[in-house]
Amino acid sequence: MTTNKASANSDASDDLRAEYDLDYTQSRPNRFSPRMSGTTVAVVLEPDVAAVFDTSEAVNRFLRSVILALPADRMQNATAKAQRE
């Protein structure tokens, strides 16, 4: 009887090790870190939502238009929260 190498490895990949020995000398700097300075917040968009926007600027422009459409009391609460942080 022959076994498929992929199926034999799938059993082993289901188990998590208690500890991993990572070689940090092989790590590379995060190429996105220069874009993440200051108070930048990263948000993961679902694929169908991301397909609508070409750039992060387009996402921000749309979200700002939605924020402007919010009732005034909600806008004041959001502004106060942002100033506290």
Foldseek 3Di string as FASTA:
>chain_A
DDDDPVVVVVVVVVDDDPDDDDDCVPDDDDPCVVVQPDPDDDDDDDPVVVVVDDDVVRVVVVVVVVLVVDDPVVNVVVVVVVVVD
